[in-house]
């Protein structure tokens, strides 16, 4: 019985570690995609501004 409790505890710790790792990875992916999105948006706005300036000059 005691061995079973020990095994369960180890499994529980492993599961928690895995969950933390998955969360970290998702957060990291999200940060990367947000950065990509911001960069793309920034450059497209810059391009739009450039076109507008050329258009109005």
Protein backbone atom coordinates (compact mmCIF):
# COMPACT_ATOMS: atom_id res chain seq x y z
CA UNK A 1 0.00 0.00 0.00
CA UNK A 2 2.80 2.40 0.92
CA UNK A 3 4.59 1.61 -2.34
CA UNK A 4 1.43 2.47 -4.28
CA UNK A 5 1.23 5.86 -2.56
CA UNK A 6 4.88 6.49 -3.42
CA UNK A 7 4.28 5.55 -7.06
CA UNK A 8 1.24 7.80 -7.24
CA UNK A 9 3.21 10.67 -5.76
CA UNK A 10 5.96 10.22 -8.36
CA UNK A 11 3.38 10.09 -11.16
CA UNK A 12 1.71 13.22 -9.78
CA UNK A 13 5.03 15.11 -9.68
CA UNK A 14 5.81 14.01 -13.24
CA UNK A 15 2.38 15.12 -14.41
CA UNK A 16 2.79 18.52 -12.79
CA UNK A 17 6.24 18.95 -14.32
CA UNK A 18 4.81 18.06 -17.72
CA UNK A 19 1.95 20.51 -17.31
CA UNK A 20 4.33 23.33 -16.32
CA UNK A 21 6.53 22.49 -19.33
CA UNK A 22 3.53 22.52 -21.69
CA UNK A 23 2.36 25.85 -20.24
CA UNK A 24 5.83 27.36 -20.68
CA UNK A 25 6.03 26.10 -24.24
CA UNK A 26 2.59 27.50 -25.10
CA UNK A 27 3.48 30.85 -23.53
CA UNK A 28 6.72 30.88 -25.51
CA UNK A 29 4.90 30.05 -28.77
CA UNK A 30 2.33 32.74 -28.03
CA UNK A 31 5.09 35.30 -27.41
CA UNK A 32 6.77 34.34 -30.68
CA UNK A 33 3.53 34.60 -32.66
CA UNK A 34 2.63 37.92 -31.03
CA UNK A 35 6.10 39.28 -31.83
CA UNK A 36 5.78 38.07 -35.42
CA UNK A 37 2.33 39.62 -35.67
CA UNK A 38 3.55 42.95 -34.23
CA UNK A 39 6.53 43.01 -36.57
CA UNK A 40 4.41 42.24 -39.62
CA UNK A 41 1.81 44.82 -38.60
CA UNK A 42 4.52 47.41 -37.97
CA UNK A 43 6.10 46.89 -41.40
CA UNK A 44 2.77 46.89 -43.23
CA UNK A 45 1.77 50.14 -41.47
CA UNK A 46 5.16 51.60 -42.38
CA UNK A 47 4.62 50.58 -45.99
CA UNK A 48 1.13 52.10 -45.93
CA UNK A 49 2.47 55.34 -44.47
CA UNK A 50 5.18 55.43 -47.12
CA UNK A 51 2.61 54.98 -49.88
CA UNK A 52 0.39 57.69 -48.41
CA UNK A 53 3.31 60.12 -48.16
CA UNK A 54 4.25 59.44 -51.79
CA UNK A 55 0.60 59.87 -52.75
CA UNK A 56 0.21 63.23 -50.98
CA UNK A 57 3.54 64.75 -52.08
